[in-house]
Amino acid sequence: MTLTIRPAVAADAATIAGFVRALAIYEKLEHEVKATEADVVRDLFGADPKVFCEIAEWEGAPVGFALWFYTYSTFQGRHGIWLEDIFVDPAMRGKGIGKALLVNLAQRCVAEELGRFEWWVLNWNEPSIDFYKSQGGVMQDEWTKVRIDGAALAKLGAA
C-alpha cells in the first residue's frame, strides 16, 4: 500500500472541485458551494496564486486533499498556515491519510519557521475533533468567528 502526498497541479482541478463538494456534503453545507473547476484553476494555478493544495494519493489514485494558504500573526511576527479544507474519501479513512496531510503541512511550517498551523472544525464533528486532538490540536473556544459577506460586505465596502 503506497501513500503519496504531492502538490496539486492544474490537471487536478476537477478532482479538487469534487473533493470540495464531497466535503460540503459531509458537513451538510452543499447548498453553500459555489466554487467551480474554473475557480480552482484560476485561484490555485493562475499567475499569482494565493491558495495552495496538496493531494493525497493511495496507490496512485487521489483519495484526499488539503487546501491551505499563508496567514500572518502580528503577535508572533511570523507567517503561519491556515488549513481551509482537509478531506479524505470516507472509504479510505483510518489508513493514516488525514494524518499524513497534516504532517506534510506541519513539516512545511517547521521548515519555513512559521509560527502557527490553524483551521476550523465544526462543533458537531466529534470524529474530526477527536482526531485533531489526538494530533496535538488545541480547541480555541475563547474566540468567536466573525464573517461579513453578501449585501453586508457590499455595504461595508461602499462606505
N, C-alpha and C. Protein backbone atom coordinates (compact mmCIF):
# COMPACT_ATOMS: atom_id res chain seq x y z
N MET A 1 0.83 -1.18 0.00
CA MET A 1 0.00 0.00 0.00
C MET A 1 0.88 1.25 0.00
N THR A 2 0.70 2.11 -0.99
CA THR A 2 1.52 3.29 -1.14
C THR A 2 0.69 4.56 -0.97
N LEU A 3 1.12 5.42 -0.07
CA LEU A 3 0.51 6.72 0.14
C LEU A 3 1.50 7.78 -0.28
N THR A 4 1.06 8.72 -1.11
CA THR A 4 1.89 9.82 -1.56
C THR A 4 1.14 11.12 -1.32
N ILE A 5 1.85 12.11 -0.82
CA ILE A 5 1.31 13.46 -0.70
C ILE A 5 2.12 14.32 -1.67
N ARG A 6 1.42 15.00 -2.57
CA ARG A 6 2.11 15.81 -3.57
C ARG A 6 1.37 17.12 -3.78
N PRO A 7 2.10 18.14 -4.26
CA PRO A 7 1.43 19.39 -4.60
C PRO A 7 0.45 19.18 -5.75
N ALA A 8 -0.69 19.82 -5.66
CA ALA A 8 -1.67 19.74 -6.74
C ALA A 8 -1.14 20.46 -7.98
N VAL A 9 -1.59 20.00 -9.13
CA VAL A 9 -1.29 20.64 -10.41
C VAL A 9 -2.61 20.97 -11.10
N ALA A 10 -2.56 21.78 -12.13
CA ALA A 10 -3.78 22.24 -12.80
C ALA A 10 -4.66 21.08 -13.26
N ALA A 11 -4.06 19.97 -13.64
CA ALA A 11 -4.83 18.81 -14.08
C ALA A 11 -5.68 18.22 -12.95
N ASP A 12 -5.42 18.62 -11.70
CA ASP A 12 -6.18 18.13 -10.54
C ASP A 12 -7.42 18.98 -10.25
N ALA A 13 -7.68 20.01 -11.03
CA ALA A 13 -8.75 20.95 -10.71
C ALA A 13 -10.11 20.27 -10.55
N ALA A 14 -10.46 19.35 -11.43
CA ALA A 14 -11.76 18.67 -11.31
C ALA A 14 -11.80 17.81 -10.06
N THR A 15 -10.69 17.17 -9.74
CA THR A 15 -10.61 16.34 -8.54
C THR A 15 -10.77 17.21 -7.29
N ILE A 16 -10.11 18.35 -7.27
CA ILE A 16 -10.21 19.27 -6.13
C ILE A 16 -11.65 19.76 -5.98
N ALA A 17 -12.26 20.17 -7.07
CA ALA A 17 -13.65 20.62 -7.02
C ALA A 17 -14.57 19.50 -6.52
N GLY A 18 -14.29 18.27 -6.93
CA GLY A 18 -15.07 17.13 -6.45
C GLY A 18 -14.89 16.89 -4.96
N PHE A 19 -13.65 17.03 -4.47
CA PHE A 19 -13.40 16.88 -3.04
C PHE A 19 -14.11 17.98 -2.25
N VAL A 20 -14.11 19.20 -2.78
CA VAL A 20 -14.80 20.31 -2.10
C VAL A 20 -16.29 19.98 -1.96
N ARG A 21 -16.89 19.50 -3.03
CA ARG A 21 -18.31 19.15 -2.99
C ARG A 21 -18.55 18.00 -1.99
N ALA A 22 -17.69 16.99 -2.02
CA ALA A 22 -17.84 15.86 -1.09
C ALA A 22 -17.71 16.31 0.36
N LEU A 23 -16.77 17.23 0.62
CA LEU A 23 -16.62 17.77 1.97
C LEU A 23 -17.87 18.54 2.37
N ALA A 24 -18.40 19.34 1.47
CA ALA A 24 -19.61 20.12 1.76
C ALA A 24 -20.79 19.20 2.06
N ILE A 25 -20.91 18.11 1.33
CA ILE A 25 -21.97 17.14 1.61
C ILE A 25 -21.80 16.57 3.02
N TYR A 26 -20.57 16.16 3.35
CA TYR A 26 -20.28 15.61 4.68
C TYR A 26 -20.63 16.63 5.78
N GLU A 27 -20.31 17.90 5.53
CA GLU A 27 -20.55 18.94 6.53
C GLU A 27 -21.97 19.50 6.48
N LYS A 28 -22.82 18.92 5.63
CA LYS A 28 -24.20 19.37 5.47
C LYS A 28 -24.26 20.83 5.00
N LEU A 29 -23.33 21.20 4.13
CA LEU A 29 -23.24 22.57 3.64
C LEU A 29 -23.21 22.64 2.11
N GLU A 30 -23.68 21.59 1.46
CA GLU A 30 -23.61 21.55 0.00
C GLU A 30 -24.29 22.76 -0.64
N HIS A 31 -25.33 23.26 -0.01
CA HIS A 31 -26.05 24.41 -0.55
C HIS A 31 -25.19 25.68 -0.60
N GLU A 32 -24.07 25.70 0.11
CA GLU A 32 -23.19 26.87 0.12
C GLU A 32 -22.12 26.83 -0.96
N VAL A 33 -21.93 25.70 -1.61
CA VAL A 33 -20.84 25.56 -2.58
C VAL A 33 -21.19 26.29 -3.87
N LYS A 34 -20.34 27.25 -4.19
CA LYS A 34 -20.46 27.99 -5.44
C LYS A 34 -19.21 27.81 -6.31
N ALA A 35 -18.12 27.36 -5.71
CA ALA A 35 -16.84 27.21 -6.40
C ALA A 35 -16.95 26.21 -7.55
N THR A 36 -16.33 26.57 -8.67
CA THR A 36 -16.33 25.71 -9.85
C THR A 36 -14.91 25.24 -10.14
N GLU A 37 -14.81 24.32 -11.06
CA GLU A 37 -13.49 23.87 -11.52
C GLU A 37 -12.69 25.05 -12.08
N ALA A 38 -13.36 25.95 -12.79
CA ALA A 38 -12.69 27.13 -13.34
C ALA A 38 -12.15 28.03 -12.23
N ASP A 39 -12.89 28.15 -11.13
CA ASP A 39 -12.41 28.93 -9.99
C ASP A 39 -11.14 28.31 -9.42
N VAL A 40 -11.13 26.99 -9.31
CA VAL A 40 -9.96 26.28 -8.80
C VAL A 40 -8.76 26.54 -9.70
N VAL A 41 -8.95 26.42 -11.00
CA VAL A 41 -7.85 26.66 -11.95
C VAL A 41 -7.33 28.09 -11.79
N ARG A 42 -8.23 29.06 -11.77
CA ARG A 42 -7.84 30.46 -11.66
C ARG A 42 -7.07 30.74 -10.37
N ASP A 43 -7.60 30.27 -9.24
CA ASP A 43 -7.06 30.67 -7.94
C ASP A 43 -5.87 29.85 -7.46
N LEU A 44 -5.79 28.59 -7.86
CA LEU A 44 -4.67 27.76 -7.42
C LEU A 44 -3.54 27.69 -8.44
N PHE A 45 -3.86 27.90 -9.71
CA PHE A 45 -2.86 27.66 -10.74
C PHE A 45 -2.67 28.84 -11.69
N GLY A 46 -3.21 30.00 -11.33
CA GLY A 46 -3.04 31.21 -12.13
C GLY A 46 -1.66 31.80 -11.94
N ALA A 47 -1.48 33.01 -12.42
CA ALA A 47 -0.17 33.66 -12.43
C ALA A 47 0.37 33.96 -11.03
N ASP A 48 -0.49 34.27 -10.08
CA ASP A 48 -0.05 34.66 -8.73
C ASP A 48 -0.95 34.01 -7.69
N PRO A 49 -0.83 32.69 -7.50
CA PRO A 49 -1.75 32.00 -6.58
C PRO A 49 -1.57 32.47 -5.14
N LYS A 50 -2.71 32.53 -4.46
CA LYS A 50 -2.74 32.91 -3.04
C LYS A 50 -3.17 31.74 -2.16
N VAL A 51 -3.54 30.65 -2.79
CA VAL A 51 -4.01 29.45 -2.08
C VAL A 51 -3.36 28.24 -2.74
N PHE A 52 -3.13 27.21 -1.94
CA PHE A 52 -2.35 26.06 -2.39
C PHE A 52 -3.05 24.76 -1.99
N CYS A 53 -2.65 23.67 -2.59
CA CYS A 53 -3.32 22.40 -2.34
C CYS A 53 -2.34 21.24 -2.41
N GLU A 54 -2.53 20.31 -1.51
CA GLU A 54 -1.79 19.05 -1.54
C GLU A 54 -2.81 17.95 -1.83
N ILE A 55 -2.41 16.99 -2.64
CA ILE A 55 -3.25 15.85 -2.99
C ILE A 55 -2.67 14.60 -2.34
N ALA A 56 -3.53 13.84 -1.69
CA ALA A 56 -3.14 12.53 -1.15
C ALA A 56 -3.54 11.47 -2.17
N GLU A 57 -2.58 10.62 -2.52
CA GLU A 57 -2.85 9.52 -3.45
C GLU A 57 -2.57 8.19 -2.76
N TRP A 58 -3.47 7.27 -2.94
CA TRP A 58 -3.32 5.91 -2.44
C TRP A 58 -3.21 5.01 -3.67
N GLU A 59 -2.06 4.35 -3.79
CA GLU A 59 -1.83 3.50 -4.96
C GLU A 59 -2.02 4.29 -6.26
N GLY A 60 -1.63 5.56 -6.24
CA GLY A 60 -1.70 6.40 -7.43
C GLY A 60 -3.03 7.07 -7.70
N ALA A 61 -4.05 6.77 -6.90
CA ALA A 61 -5.38 7.37 -7.11
C ALA A 61 -5.62 8.45 -6.05
N PRO A 62 -6.16 9.62 -6.44
CA PRO A 62 -6.43 10.67 -5.46
C PRO A 62 -7.52 10.24 -4.48
N VAL A 63 -7.23 10.40 -3.18
CA VAL A 63 -8.17 9.99 -2.14
C VAL A 63 -8.43 11.08 -1.11
N GLY A 64 -7.74 12.21 -1.25
CA GLY A 64 -7.94 13.29 -0.30
C GLY A 64 -7.15 14.52 -0.71
N PHE A 65 -7.44 15.62 0.02
CA PHE A 65 -6.73 16.86 -0.26
C PHE A 65 -6.66 17.73 0.97
N ALA A 66 -5.73 18.66 0.94
CA ALA A 66 -5.62 19.72 1.94
C ALA A 66 -5.42 21.02 1.18
N LEU A 67 -6.32 21.98 1.37
CA LEU A 67 -6.25 23.27 0.70
C LEU A 67 -5.88 24.31 1.75
N TRP A 68 -4.87 25.12 1.49
CA TRP A 68 -4.32 25.98 2.53
C TRP A 68 -3.79 27.29 1.95
N PHE A 69 -3.50 28.24 2.86
CA PHE A 69 -2.86 29.49 2.47
C PHE A 69 -2.07 30.03 3.66
N TYR A 70 -1.19 31.00 3.37
CA TYR A 70 -0.39 31.61 4.42
C TYR A 70 -1.19 32.68 5.15
N THR A 71 -0.96 32.77 6.45
CA THR A 71 -1.53 33.82 7.29
C THR A 71 -0.37 34.60 7.90
N TYR A 72 -0.68 35.56 8.75
CA TYR A 72 0.36 36.29 9.46
C TYR A 72 -0.11 36.62 10.86
N SER A 73 0.73 36.37 11.84
CA SER A 73 0.43 36.72 13.23
C SER A 73 1.25 37.95 13.61
N THR A 74 0.55 39.05 13.89
CA THR A 74 1.27 40.24 14.34
C THR A 74 1.88 40.01 15.72
N PHE A 75 1.25 39.20 16.55
CA PHE A 75 1.79 38.93 17.88
C PHE A 75 3.09 38.14 17.79
N GLN A 76 3.13 37.14 16.92
CA GLN A 76 4.33 36.32 16.77
C GLN A 76 5.36 36.94 15.84
N GLY A 77 4.90 37.82 14.95
CA GLY A 77 5.80 38.35 13.94
C GLY A 77 6.23 37.28 12.97
N ARG A 78 5.32 36.34 12.69
CA ARG A 78 5.60 35.19 11.83
C ARG A 78 4.39 34.87 10.98
N HIS A 79 4.66 34.35 9.80
CA HIS A 79 3.59 33.77 8.99
C HIS A 79 3.18 32.44 9.60
N GLY A 80 2.04 31.97 9.18
CA GLY A 80 1.54 30.66 9.56
C GLY A 80 0.81 30.05 8.38
N ILE A 81 0.23 28.90 8.60
CA ILE A 81 -0.59 28.25 7.58
C ILE A 81 -2.00 28.12 8.11
N TRP A 82 -2.97 28.50 7.27
CA TRP A 82 -4.37 28.27 7.55
C TRP A 82 -4.83 27.14 6.66
N LEU A 83 -5.29 26.07 7.27
CA LEU A 83 -5.83 24.92 6.55
C LEU A 83 -7.31 25.20 6.31
N GLU A 84 -7.64 25.57 5.09
CA GLU A 84 -9.03 25.91 4.78
C GLU A 84 -9.90 24.66 4.72
N ASP A 85 -9.41 23.63 4.06
CA ASP A 85 -10.17 22.38 3.95
C ASP A 85 -9.22 21.19 3.95
N ILE A 86 -9.67 20.12 4.60
CA ILE A 86 -8.99 18.84 4.52
C ILE A 86 -10.10 17.80 4.37
N PHE A 87 -9.87 16.85 3.49
CA PHE A 87 -10.90 15.84 3.23
C PHE A 87 -10.22 14.56 2.77
N VAL A 88 -10.70 13.45 3.30
CA VAL A 88 -10.28 12.11 2.86
C VAL A 88 -11.54 11.34 2.51
N ASP A 89 -11.51 10.69 1.38
CA ASP A 89 -12.63 9.86 0.94
C ASP A 89 -13.04 8.95 2.10
N PRO A 90 -14.33 8.94 2.46
CA PRO A 90 -14.77 8.13 3.60
C PRO A 90 -14.35 6.66 3.53
N ALA A 91 -14.31 6.09 2.34
CA ALA A 91 -13.92 4.69 2.19
C ALA A 91 -12.44 4.47 2.50
N MET A 92 -11.65 5.57 2.53
CA MET A 92 -10.21 5.46 2.75
C MET A 92 -9.77 5.94 4.13
N ARG A 93 -10.72 6.31 4.96
CA ARG A 93 -10.38 6.80 6.29
C ARG A 93 -9.85 5.66 7.15
N GLY A 94 -9.02 6.02 8.11
CA GLY A 94 -8.44 5.02 9.01
C GLY A 94 -7.13 4.45 8.50
N LYS A 95 -6.62 4.96 7.40
CA LYS A 95 -5.37 4.46 6.81
C LYS A 95 -4.20 5.43 7.03
N GLY A 96 -4.43 6.49 7.80
CA GLY A 96 -3.36 7.45 8.07
C GLY A 96 -3.24 8.56 7.04
N ILE A 97 -4.22 8.68 6.14
CA ILE A 97 -4.15 9.67 5.07
C ILE A 97 -4.34 11.08 5.61
N GLY A 98 -5.35 11.28 6.45
CA GLY A 98 -5.56 12.60 7.06
C GLY A 98 -4.35 13.03 7.87
N LYS A 99 -3.81 12.12 8.64
CA LYS A 99 -2.62 12.43 9.43
C LYS A 99 -1.47 12.81 8.52
N ALA A 100 -1.28 12.08 7.43
CA ALA A 100 -0.19 12.38 6.50
C ALA A 100 -0.34 13.77 5.90
N LEU A 101 -1.57 14.18 5.59
CA LEU A 101 -1.80 15.53 5.07
C LEU A 101 -1.43 16.58 6.12
N LEU A 102 -1.83 16.34 7.38
CA LEU A 102 -1.48 17.27 8.45
C LEU A 102 0.03 17.31 8.68
N VAL A 103 0.66 16.15 8.69
CA VAL A 103 2.11 16.08 8.90
C VAL A 103 2.84 16.84 7.80
N ASN A 104 2.40 16.67 6.56
CA ASN A 104 3.03 17.35 5.43
C ASN A 104 3.01 18.86 5.64
N LEU A 105 1.88 19.41 6.06
CA LEU A 105 1.80 20.85 6.28
C LEU A 105 2.55 21.28 7.54
N ALA A 106 2.54 20.46 8.57
CA ALA A 106 3.32 20.76 9.78
C ALA A 106 4.81 20.79 9.44
N GLN A 107 5.26 19.88 8.60
CA GLN A 107 6.66 19.88 8.18
C GLN A 107 7.00 21.15 7.41
N ARG A 108 6.08 21.63 6.58
CA ARG A 108 6.28 22.90 5.87
C ARG A 108 6.42 24.03 6.89
N CYS A 109 5.55 24.04 7.91
CA CYS A 109 5.63 25.06 8.95
C CYS A 109 7.00 25.06 9.62
N VAL A 110 7.47 23.88 9.97
CA VAL A 110 8.76 23.77 10.64
C VAL A 110 9.89 24.20 9.70
N ALA A 111 9.88 23.70 8.47
CA ALA A 111 10.95 24.02 7.51
C ALA A 111 11.00 25.52 7.20
N GLU A 112 9.83 26.18 7.15
CA GLU A 112 9.78 27.60 6.81
C GLU A 112 9.77 28.50 8.05
N GLU A 113 9.93 27.89 9.23
CA GLU A 113 9.94 28.61 10.51
C GLU A 113 8.67 29.46 10.69
N LEU A 114 7.54 28.85 10.35
CA LEU A 114 6.25 29.50 10.52
C LEU A 114 5.80 29.35 11.97
N GLY A 115 4.96 30.27 12.42
CA GLY A 115 4.58 30.28 13.83
C GLY A 115 3.33 29.51 14.20
N ARG A 116 2.45 29.27 13.22
CA ARG A 116 1.16 28.64 13.55
C ARG A 116 0.68 27.76 12.41
N PHE A 117 -0.15 26.79 12.80
CA PHE A 117 -0.87 25.94 11.86
C PHE A 117 -2.28 25.84 12.43
N GLU A 118 -3.25 26.43 11.72
CA GLU A 118 -4.60 26.56 12.29
C GLU A 118 -5.67 26.18 11.28
N TRP A 119 -6.87 25.88 11.81
CA TRP A 119 -8.03 25.60 10.98
C TRP A 119 -9.27 25.59 11.86
N TRP A 120 -10.44 25.58 11.20
CA TRP A 120 -11.72 25.45 11.89
C TRP A 120 -12.17 23.99 11.85
N VAL A 121 -12.98 23.63 12.82
CA VAL A 121 -13.69 22.35 12.79
C VAL A 121 -15.10 22.63 13.32
N LEU A 122 -16.09 22.06 12.66
CA LEU A 122 -17.47 22.26 13.10
C LEU A 122 -17.68 21.65 14.48
N ASN A 123 -18.42 22.34 15.34
CA ASN A 123 -18.62 21.90 16.72
C ASN A 123 -19.24 20.51 16.82
N TRP A 124 -20.08 20.12 15.87
CA TRP A 124 -20.76 18.83 15.93
C TRP A 124 -19.89 17.69 15.40
N ASN A 125 -18.75 18.00 14.79
CA ASN A 125 -17.94 16.99 14.12
C ASN A 125 -16.99 16.29 15.11
N GLU A 126 -17.57 15.53 16.02
CA GLU A 126 -16.77 14.86 17.06
C GLU A 126 -15.67 13.95 16.53
N PRO A 127 -15.91 13.17 15.46
CA PRO A 127 -14.80 12.34 14.96
C PRO A 127 -13.58 13.18 14.56
N SER A 128 -13.81 14.31 13.89
CA SER A 128 -12.69 15.17 13.49
C SER A 128 -12.06 15.85 14.70
N ILE A 129 -12.89 16.32 15.62
CA ILE A 129 -12.36 16.96 16.84
C ILE A 129 -11.46 15.98 17.58
N ASP A 130 -11.93 14.75 17.75
CA ASP A 130 -11.12 13.74 18.45
C ASP A 130 -9.81 13.48 17.70
N PHE A 131 -9.90 13.39 16.37
CA PHE A 131 -8.70 13.16 15.56
C PHE A 131 -7.71 14.32 15.72
N TYR A 132 -8.20 15.56 15.61
CA TYR A 132 -7.31 16.71 15.72
C TYR A 132 -6.67 16.78 17.11
N LYS A 133 -7.44 16.49 18.14
CA LYS A 133 -6.87 16.47 19.49
C LYS A 133 -5.80 15.41 19.62
N SER A 134 -6.02 14.26 18.98
CA SER A 134 -5.02 13.17 19.05
C SER A 134 -3.72 13.56 18.35
N GLN A 135 -3.78 14.56 17.47
CA GLN A 135 -2.59 15.03 16.77
C GLN A 135 -1.93 16.22 17.48
N GLY A 136 -2.48 16.62 18.62
CA GLY A 136 -1.93 17.74 19.37
C GLY A 136 -2.71 19.03 19.20
N GLY A 137 -3.82 18.99 18.45
CA GLY A 137 -4.63 20.18 18.25
C GLY A 137 -5.29 20.63 19.54
N VAL A 138 -5.36 21.93 19.73
CA VAL A 138 -5.99 22.53 20.91
C VAL A 138 -7.16 23.38 20.42
N MET A 139 -8.33 23.10 20.94
CA MET A 139 -9.51 23.86 20.55
C MET A 139 -9.41 25.27 21.13
N GLN A 140 -9.70 26.27 20.33
CA GLN A 140 -9.60 27.68 20.72
C GLN A 140 -11.01 28.23 20.99
N ASP A 141 -11.62 27.80 22.07
CA ASP A 141 -13.01 28.13 22.35
C ASP A 141 -13.24 29.58 22.76
N GLU A 142 -12.17 30.30 23.09
CA GLU A 142 -12.34 31.67 23.55
C GLU A 142 -12.51 32.67 22.42
N TRP A 143 -12.42 32.22 21.17
CA TRP A 143 -12.56 33.11 20.01
C TRP A 143 -13.90 32.87 19.34
N THR A 144 -14.48 33.92 18.81
CA THR A 144 -15.72 33.82 18.05
C THR A 144 -15.43 34.22 16.61
N LYS A 145 -15.82 33.38 15.70
CA LYS A 145 -15.63 33.65 14.28
C LYS A 145 -16.55 34.80 13.86
N VAL A 146 -16.04 35.69 13.04
CA VAL A 146 -16.81 36.81 12.51
C VAL A 146 -16.76 36.72 10.99
N ARG A 147 -17.91 36.96 10.34
CA ARG A 147 -17.96 36.92 8.88
C ARG A 147 -18.86 38.04 8.39
N ILE A 148 -18.39 38.69 7.33
CA ILE A 148 -19.22 39.65 6.61
C ILE A 148 -19.19 39.19 5.15
N ASP A 149 -20.36 38.98 4.57
CA ASP A 149 -20.41 38.61 3.15
C ASP A 149 -21.70 39.13 2.53
N GLY A 150 -21.87 38.88 1.25
CA GLY A 150 -23.10 39.26 0.55
C GLY A 150 -23.36 40.75 0.61
N ALA A 151 -24.61 41.10 0.87
CA ALA A 151 -25.03 42.50 0.89
C ALA A 151 -24.31 43.30 1.97
N ALA A 152 -24.06 42.68 3.11
CA ALA A 152 -23.37 43.39 4.20
C ALA A 152 -21.95 43.74 3.79
N LEU A 153 -21.27 42.85 3.06
CA LEU A 153 -19.92 43.13 2.59
C LEU A 153 -19.94 44.26 1.55
N ALA A 154 -20.90 44.21 0.65
CA ALA A 154 -21.01 45.27 -0.36
C ALA A 154 -21.27 46.62 0.29
N LYS A 155 -22.13 46.64 1.30
CA LYS A 155 -22.44 47.89 2.01
C LYS A 155 -21.21 48.42 2.73
N LEU A 156 -20.49 47.57 3.44
CA LEU A 156 -19.29 47.99 4.15
C LEU A 156 -18.23 48.46 3.17
N GLY A 157 -18.08 47.74 2.06
CA GLY A 157 -17.08 48.12 1.06
C GLY A 157 -17.41 49.41 0.34
N ALA A 158 -18.67 49.80 0.33
CA ALA A 158 -19.08 51.04 -0.33
C ALA A 158 -18.97 52.25 0.58
N ALA A 159 -18.73 52.00 1.88
CA ALA A 159 -18.70 53.10 2.86
C ALA A 159 -17.51 54.02 2.61
